[in-house]
Amino acid sequence: MYWLSVWDGYFKVAVWFLEKNRIEILKSDAGEKTKRRIRDAKTLGKMMTFPVEFDVLSDEEIPDIITMIKCKQKLET
């Protein structure tokens, strides 16, 4: 699941993963800031999922968002 919300001056993106995939996602070529988000994300709900969340204020976050979407697509196939 992906989530996008628009705020005044920026937008937020969250890509949700199953807890069982956390180690695999940490092996991606995402930046250290995103890997910290992955490590720190709290597992939620009965389905044991966690979000990797981005507050997008500039295009600096876009490459890691794309990396997370590609990881999500790979893990779902």
PDB file of N, CA and C in Angstrom:
ATOM      1  N   MET A   1       0.838  -1.159   0.000  1.00  0.00           N
ATOM      2  CA  MET A   1       0.000   0.000   0.000  1.00  0.00           C
ATOM      3  C   MET A   1       0.896   1.240   0.000  1.00  0.00           C
ATOM      4  N   TYR A   2       0.420   2.260  -0.676  1.00  0.00           N
ATOM      5  CA  TYR A   2       1.102   3.549  -0.728  1.00  0.00           C
ATOM      6  C   TYR A   2       0.116   4.609  -0.241  1.00  0.00           C
ATOM      7  N   TRP A   3       0.635   5.655   0.332  1.00  0.00           N
ATOM      8  CA  TRP A   3      -0.219   6.732   0.793  1.00  0.00           C
ATOM      9  C   TRP A   3       0.423   8.055   0.436  1.00  0.00           C
ATOM     10  N   LEU A   4      -0.354   8.955  -0.139  1.00  0.00           N
ATOM     11  CA  LEU A   4       0.113  10.291  -0.492  1.00  0.00           C
ATOM     12  C   LEU A   4      -0.879  11.290   0.088  1.00  0.00           C
ATOM     13  N   SER A   5      -0.373  12.298   0.774  1.00  0.00           N
ATOM     14  CA  SER A   5      -1.234  13.378   1.257  1.00  0.00           C
ATOM     15  C   SER A   5      -0.558  14.710   0.957  1.00  0.00           C
ATOM     16  N   VAL A   6      -1.369  15.683   0.629  1.00  0.00           N
ATOM     17  CA  VAL A   6      -0.867  17.007   0.238  1.00  0.00           C
ATOM     18  C   VAL A   6      -1.107  17.986   1.386  1.00  0.00           C
ATOM     19  N   TRP A   7      -0.034  18.719   1.724  1.00  0.00           N
ATOM     20  CA  TRP A   7      -0.072  19.703   2.798  1.00  0.00           C
ATOM     21  C   TRP A   7       0.342  21.058   2.231  1.00  0.00           C
ATOM     22  N   ASP A   8       0.237  22.085   3.022  1.00  0.00           N
ATOM     23  CA  ASP A   8       0.610  23.424   2.582  1.00  0.00           C
ATOM     24  C   ASP A   8       2.129  23.494   2.391  1.00  0.00           C
ATOM     25  N   GLY A   9       2.598  23.520   1.158  1.00  0.00           N
ATOM     26  CA  GLY A   9       4.015  23.668   0.856  1.00  0.00           C
ATOM     27  C   GLY A   9       4.787  22.377   0.686  1.00  0.00           C
ATOM     28  N   TYR A  10       4.159  21.231   0.922  1.00  0.00           N
ATOM     29  CA  TYR A  10       4.847  19.952   0.746  1.00  0.00           C
ATOM     30  C   TYR A  10       3.826  18.822   0.684  1.00  0.00           C
ATOM     31  N   PHE A  11       4.326  17.616   0.432  1.00  0.00           N
ATOM     32  CA  PHE A  11       3.440  16.466   0.499  1.00  0.00           C
ATOM     33  C   PHE A  11       4.137  15.334   1.224  1.00  0.00           C
ATOM     34  N   LYS A  12       3.336  14.382   1.676  1.00  0.00           N
ATOM     35  CA  LYS A  12       3.851  13.234   2.415  1.00  0.00           C
ATOM     36  C   LYS A  12       3.583  11.971   1.609  1.00  0.00           C
ATOM     37  N   VAL A  13       4.539  11.069   1.653  1.00  0.00           N
ATOM     38  CA  VAL A  13       4.397   9.764   1.010  1.00  0.00           C
ATOM     39  C   VAL A  13       4.741   8.709   2.048  1.00  0.00           C
ATOM     40  N   ALA A  14       3.932   7.677   2.104  1.00  0.00           N
ATOM     41  CA  ALA A  14       4.226   6.533   2.964  1.00  0.00           C
ATOM     42  C   ALA A  14       4.100   5.275   2.114  1.00  0.00           C
ATOM     43  N   VAL A  15       5.094   4.422   2.195  1.00  0.00           N
ATOM     44  CA  VAL A  15       5.069   3.124   1.529  1.00  0.00           C
ATOM     45  C   VAL A  15       5.048   2.087   2.649  1.00  0.00           C
ATOM     46  N   TRP A  16       4.050   1.212   2.646  1.00  0.00           N
ATOM     47  CA  TRP A  16       3.855   0.242   3.722  1.00  0.00           C
ATOM     48  C   TRP A  16       4.421  -1.114   3.332  1.00  0.00           C
ATOM     49  N   PHE A  17       5.086  -1.755   4.289  1.00  0.00           N
ATOM     50  CA  PHE A  17       5.706  -3.065   4.072  1.00  0.00           C
ATOM     51  C   PHE A  17       5.307  -4.020   5.191  1.00  0.00           C
ATOM     52  N   LEU A  18       5.372  -5.302   4.899  1.00  0.00           N
ATOM     53  CA  LEU A  18       5.199  -6.315   5.923  1.00  0.00           C
ATOM     54  C   LEU A  18       6.472  -6.397   6.758  1.00  0.00           C
ATOM     55  N   GLU A  19       6.305  -6.608   8.050  1.00  0.00           N
ATOM     56  CA  GLU A  19       7.457  -6.703   8.952  1.00  0.00           C
ATOM     57  C   GLU A  19       8.455  -7.757   8.469  1.00  0.00           C
ATOM     58  N   LYS A  20       7.975  -8.857   7.948  1.00  0.00           N
ATOM     59  CA  LYS A  20       8.869  -9.934   7.513  1.00  0.00           C
ATOM     60  C   LYS A  20       9.825  -9.492   6.402  1.00  0.00           C
ATOM     61  N   ASN A  21       9.553  -8.353   5.757  1.00  0.00           N
ATOM     62  CA  ASN A  21      10.400  -7.866   4.662  1.00  0.00           C
ATOM     63  C   ASN A  21      11.382  -6.779   5.085  1.00  0.00           C
ATOM     64  N   ARG A  22      11.411  -6.424   6.350  1.00  0.00           N
ATOM     65  CA  ARG A  22      12.252  -5.301   6.791  1.00  0.00           C
ATOM     66  C   ARG A  22      13.728  -5.516   6.435  1.00  0.00           C
ATOM     67  N   ILE A  23      14.271  -6.687   6.706  1.00  0.00           N
ATOM     68  CA  ILE A  23      15.690  -6.953   6.433  1.00  0.00           C
ATOM     69  C   ILE A  23      15.982  -6.828   4.940  1.00  0.00           C
ATOM     70  N   GLU A  24      15.090  -7.349   4.109  1.00  0.00           N
ATOM     71  CA  GLU A  24      15.279  -7.262   2.653  1.00  0.00           C
ATOM     72  C   GLU A  24      15.283  -5.811   2.188  1.00  0.00           C
ATOM     73  N   ILE A  25      14.406  -5.002   2.734  1.00  0.00           N
ATOM     74  CA  ILE A  25      14.330  -3.596   2.345  1.00  0.00           C
ATOM     75  C   ILE A  25      15.594  -2.849   2.782  1.00  0.00           C
ATOM     76  N   LEU A  26      16.135  -3.209   3.927  1.00  0.00           N
ATOM     77  CA  LEU A  26      17.372  -2.573   4.394  1.00  0.00           C
ATOM     78  C   LEU A  26      18.564  -2.882   3.489  1.00  0.00           C
ATOM     79  N   LYS A  27      18.456  -3.924   2.673  1.00  0.00           N
ATOM     80  CA  LYS A  27      19.518  -4.264   1.724  1.00  0.00           C
ATOM     81  C   LYS A  27      19.442  -3.434   0.447  1.00  0.00           C
ATOM     82  N   SER A  28      18.397  -2.629   0.301  1.00  0.00           N
ATOM     83  CA  SER A  28      18.236  -1.820  -0.912  1.00  0.00           C
ATOM     84  C   SER A  28      19.328  -0.753  -0.974  1.00  0.00           C
ATOM     85  N   ASP A  29      19.390  -0.065  -2.099  1.00  0.00           N
ATOM     86  CA  ASP A  29      20.388   0.992  -2.250  1.00  0.00           C
ATOM     87  C   ASP A  29      19.839   2.366  -1.844  1.00  0.00           C
ATOM     88  N   ALA A  30      18.854   2.372  -0.952  1.00  0.00           N
ATOM     89  CA  ALA A  30      18.325   3.629  -0.405  1.00  0.00           C
ATOM     90  C   ALA A  30      19.412   4.305   0.433  1.00  0.00           C
ATOM     91  N   GLY A  31      19.271   5.598   0.598  1.00  0.00           N
ATOM     92  CA  GLY A  31      20.226   6.365   1.388  1.00  0.00           C
ATOM     93  C   GLY A  31      20.141   6.041   2.874  1.00  0.00           C
ATOM     94  N   GLU A  32      21.139   6.466   3.614  1.00  0.00           N
ATOM     95  CA  GLU A  32      21.204   6.173   5.044  1.00  0.00           C
ATOM     96  C   GLU A  32      20.026   6.784   5.811  1.00  0.00           C
ATOM     97  N   LYS A  33      19.588   7.959   5.414  1.00  0.00           N
ATOM     98  CA  LYS A  33      18.444   8.597   6.072  1.00  0.00           C
ATOM     99  C   LYS A  33      17.193   7.717   5.944  1.00  0.00           C
ATOM    100  N   THR A  34      16.973   7.160   4.770  1.00  0.00           N
ATOM    101  CA  THR A  34      15.822   6.282   4.554  1.00  0.00           C
ATOM    102  C   THR A  34      16.003   4.969   5.303  1.00  0.00           C
ATOM    103  N   LYS A  35      17.212   4.438   5.341  1.00  0.00           N
ATOM    104  CA  LYS A  35      17.441   3.199   6.089  1.00  0.00           C
ATOM    105  C   LYS A  35      17.200   3.414   7.581  1.00  0.00           C
ATOM    106  N   ARG A  36      17.496   4.590   8.079  1.00  0.00           N
ATOM    107  CA  ARG A  36      17.198   4.914   9.471  1.00  0.00           C
ATOM    108  C   ARG A  36      15.679   4.924   9.684  1.00  0.00           C
ATOM    109  N   ARG A  37      14.948   5.479   8.716  1.00  0.00           N
ATOM    110  CA  ARG A  37      13.481   5.469   8.803  1.00  0.00           C
ATOM    111  C   ARG A  37      12.953   4.035   8.853  1.00  0.00           C
ATOM    112  N   ILE A  38      13.547   3.163   8.042  1.00  0.00           N
ATOM    113  CA  ILE A  38      13.119   1.759   7.999  1.00  0.00           C
ATOM    114  C   ILE A  38      13.390   1.099   9.343  1.00  0.00           C
ATOM    115  N   ARG A  39      14.588   1.294   9.881  1.00  0.00           N
ATOM    116  CA  ARG A  39      14.943   0.683  11.171  1.00  0.00           C
ATOM    117  C   ARG A  39      14.056   1.200  12.305  1.00  0.00           C
ATOM    118  N   ASP A  40      13.719   2.494  12.263  1.00  0.00           N
ATOM    119  CA  ASP A  40      12.977   3.121  13.353  1.00  0.00           C
ATOM    120  C   ASP A  40      11.458   2.965  13.246  1.00  0.00           C
ATOM    121  N   ALA A  41      10.956   2.549  12.095  1.00  0.00           N
ATOM    122  CA  ALA A  41       9.506   2.471  11.888  1.00  0.00           C
ATOM    123  C   ALA A  41       8.875   1.445  12.827  1.00  0.00           C
ATOM    124  N   LYS A  42       7.780   1.824  13.434  1.00  0.00           N
ATOM    125  CA  LYS A  42       7.045   0.952  14.354  1.00  0.00           C
ATOM    126  C   LYS A  42       6.133   0.017  13.567  1.00  0.00           C
ATOM    127  N   THR A  43       6.090  -1.236  13.992  1.00  0.00           N
ATOM    128  CA  THR A  43       5.191  -2.210  13.394  1.00  0.00           C
ATOM    129  C   THR A  43       3.794  -1.991  13.961  1.00  0.00           C
ATOM    130  N   LEU A  44       2.801  -2.024  13.073  1.00  0.00           N
ATOM    131  CA  LEU A  44       1.433  -1.712  13.466  1.00  0.00           C
ATOM    132  C   LEU A  44       0.458  -2.798  13.003  1.00  0.00           C
ATOM    133  N   GLY A  45      -0.598  -2.971  13.747  1.00  0.00           N
ATOM    134  CA  GLY A  45      -1.730  -3.777  13.323  1.00  0.00           C
ATOM    135  C   GLY A  45      -1.528  -5.276  13.341  1.00  0.00           C
ATOM    136  N   LYS A  46      -2.630  -5.964  13.101  1.00  0.00           N
ATOM    137  CA  LYS A  46      -2.628  -7.424  13.068  1.00  0.00           C
ATOM    138  C   LYS A  46      -1.836  -7.978  11.889  1.00  0.00           C
ATOM    139  N   MET A  47      -1.753  -7.183  10.815  1.00  0.00           N
ATOM    140  CA  MET A  47      -1.030  -7.650   9.633  1.00  0.00           C
ATOM    141  C   MET A  47       0.483  -7.444   9.769  1.00  0.00           C
ATOM    142  N   MET A  48       0.920  -6.836  10.882  1.00  0.00           N
ATOM    143  CA  MET A  48       2.345  -6.617  11.140  1.00  0.00           C
ATOM    144  C   MET A  48       2.999  -5.850   9.988  1.00  0.00           C
ATOM    145  N   THR A  49       2.518  -4.633   9.758  1.00  0.00           N
ATOM    146  CA  THR A  49       3.066  -3.774   8.714  1.00  0.00           C
ATOM    147  C   THR A  49       3.716  -2.547   9.342  1.00  0.00           C
ATOM    148  N   PHE A  50       4.554  -1.887   8.543  1.00  0.00           N
ATOM    149  CA  PHE A  50       5.166  -0.638   8.994  1.00  0.00           C
ATOM    150  C   PHE A  50       5.303   0.308   7.809  1.00  0.00           C
ATOM    151  N   PRO A  51       5.208   1.612   8.060  1.00  0.00           N
ATOM    152  CA  PRO A  51       5.358   2.581   6.977  1.00  0.00           C
ATOM    153  C   PRO A  51       6.782   3.129   6.906  1.00  0.00           C
ATOM    154  N   VAL A  52       7.220   3.379   5.687  1.00  0.00           N
ATOM    155  CA  VAL A  52       8.423   4.180   5.463  1.00  0.00           C
ATOM    156  C   VAL A  52       7.882   5.518   4.966  1.00  0.00           C
ATOM    157  N   GLU A  53       8.035   6.547   5.799  1.00  0.00           N
ATOM    158  CA  GLU A  53       7.382   7.833   5.547  1.00  0.00           C
ATOM    159  C   GLU A  53       8.377   8.908   5.108  1.00  0.00           C
ATOM    160  N   PHE A  54       7.911   9.726   4.170  1.00  0.00           N
ATOM    161  CA  PHE A  54       8.721  10.824   3.642  1.00  0.00           C
ATOM    162  C   PHE A  54       7.910  12.111   3.683  1.00  0.00           C
ATOM    163  N   ASP A  55       8.479  13.182   4.198  1.00  0.00           N
ATOM    164  CA  ASP A  55       7.935  14.529   4.048  1.00  0.00           C
ATOM    165  C   ASP A  55       8.710  15.153   2.901  1.00  0.00           C
ATOM    166  N   VAL A  56       8.037  15.367   1.785  1.00  0.00           N
ATOM    167  CA  VAL A  56       8.722  15.805   0.572  1.00  0.00           C
ATOM    168  C   VAL A  56       8.633  17.323   0.456  1.00  0.00           C
ATOM    169  N   LEU A  57       9.769  17.957   0.755  1.00  0.00           N
ATOM    170  CA  LEU A  57       9.886  19.415   0.667  1.00  0.00           C
ATOM    171  C   LEU A  57      10.684  19.834  -0.563  1.00  0.00           C
ATOM    172  N   SER A  58      11.433  18.884  -1.122  1.00  0.00           N
ATOM    173  CA  SER A  58      12.232  19.134  -2.327  1.00  0.00           C
ATOM    174  C   SER A  58      12.365  17.814  -3.077  1.00  0.00           C
ATOM    175  N   ASP A  59      13.011  17.866  -4.219  1.00  0.00           N
ATOM    176  CA  ASP A  59      13.166  16.639  -5.014  1.00  0.00           C
ATOM    177  C   ASP A  59      14.250  15.707  -4.461  1.00  0.00           C
ATOM    178  N   GLU A  60      14.891  16.092  -3.369  1.00  0.00           N
ATOM    179  CA  GLU A  60      15.946  15.278  -2.753  1.00  0.00           C
ATOM    180  C   GLU A  60      15.429  13.893  -2.324  1.00  0.00           C
ATOM    181  N   GLU A  61      14.186  13.811  -1.901  1.00  0.00           N
ATOM    182  CA  GLU A  61      13.605  12.555  -1.410  1.00  0.00           C
ATOM    183  C   GLU A  61      13.147  11.616  -2.537  1.00  0.00           C
ATOM    184  N   ILE A  62      12.960  12.127  -3.732  1.00  0.00           N
ATOM    185  CA  ILE A  62      12.357  11.352  -4.827  1.00  0.00           C
ATOM    186  C   ILE A  62      13.111  10.055  -5.140  1.00  0.00           C
ATOM    187  N   PRO A  63      14.449  10.048  -5.265  1.00  0.00           N
ATOM    188  CA  PRO A  63      15.128   8.784  -5.579  1.00  0.00           C
ATOM    189  C   PRO A  63      14.854   7.678  -4.550  1.00  0.00           C
ATOM    190  N   ASP A  64      14.825   8.011  -3.266  1.00  0.00           N
ATOM    191  CA  ASP A  64      14.557   6.982  -2.259  1.00  0.00           C
ATOM    192  C   ASP A  64      13.098   6.546  -2.269  1.00  0.00           C
ATOM    193  N   ILE A  65      12.186   7.460  -2.589  1.00  0.00           N
ATOM    194  CA  ILE A  65      10.780   7.065  -2.723  1.00  0.00           C
ATOM    195  C   ILE A  65      10.649   6.058  -3.854  1.00  0.00           C
ATOM    196  N   ILE A  66      11.293   6.339  -4.974  1.00  0.00           N
ATOM    197  CA  ILE A  66      11.260   5.409  -6.117  1.00  0.00           C
ATOM    198  C   ILE A  66      11.881   4.076  -5.725  1.00  0.00           C
ATOM    199  N   THR A  67      12.973   4.094  -4.990  1.00  0.00           N
ATOM    200  CA  THR A  67      13.606   2.854  -4.522  1.00  0.00           C
ATOM    201  C   THR A  67      12.640   2.054  -3.662  1.00  0.00           C
ATOM    202  N   MET A  68      11.922   2.718  -2.762  1.00  0.00           N
ATOM    203  CA  MET A  68      10.972   2.014  -1.897  1.00  0.00           C
ATOM    204  C   MET A  68       9.810   1.431  -2.707  1.00  0.00           C
ATOM    205  N   ILE A  69       9.337   2.157  -3.705  1.00  0.00           N
ATOM    206  CA  ILE A  69       8.263   1.643  -4.559  1.00  0.00           C
ATOM    207  C   ILE A  69       8.743   0.421  -5.339  1.00  0.00           C
ATOM    208  N   LYS A  70       9.975   0.471  -5.840  1.00  0.00           N
ATOM    209  CA  LYS A  70      10.528  -0.691  -6.556  1.00  0.00           C
ATOM    210  C   LYS A  70      10.673  -1.886  -5.632  1.00  0.00           C
ATOM    211  N   CYS A  71      11.094  -1.649  -4.388  1.00  0.00           N
ATOM    212  CA  CYS A  71      11.190  -2.745  -3.398  1.00  0.00           C
ATOM    213  C   CYS A  71       9.807  -3.337  -3.170  1.00  0.00           C
ATOM    214  N   LYS A  72       8.816  -2.482  -3.025  1.00  0.00           N
ATOM    215  CA  LYS A  72       7.441  -2.936  -2.789  1.00  0.00           C
ATOM    216  C   LYS A  72       6.970  -3.799  -3.955  1.00  0.00           C
ATOM    217  N   GLN A  73       7.211  -3.343  -5.164  1.00  0.00           N
ATOM    218  CA  GLN A  73       6.798  -4.099  -6.352  1.00  0.00           C
ATOM    219  C   GLN A  73       7.518  -5.446  -6.416  1.00  0.00           C
ATOM    220  N   LYS A  74       8.790  -5.462  -6.124  1.00  0.00           N
ATOM    221  CA  LYS A  74       9.570  -6.701  -6.162  1.00  0.00           C
ATOM    222  C   LYS A  74       9.064  -7.700  -5.117  1.00  0.00           C
ATOM    223  N   LEU A  75       8.757  -7.212  -3.933  1.00  0.00           N
ATOM    224  CA  LEU A  75       8.326  -8.099  -2.845  1.00  0.00           C
ATOM    225  C   LEU A  75       6.913  -8.622  -3.060  1.00  0.00           C
ATOM    226  N   GLU A  76       6.114  -7.942  -3.858  1.00  0.00           N
ATOM    227  CA  GLU A  76       4.740  -8.375  -4.098  1.00  0.00           C
ATOM    228  C   GLU A  76       4.607  -9.328  -5.277  1.00  0.00           C
ATOM    229  N   THR A  77       5.667  -9.538  -6.025  1.00  0.00           N
ATOM    230  CA  THR A  77       5.568 -10.443  -7.183  1.00  0.00           C
ATOM    231  C   THR A  77       5.978 -11.843  -6.823  1.00  0.00           C
TER     232      THR A  77
END
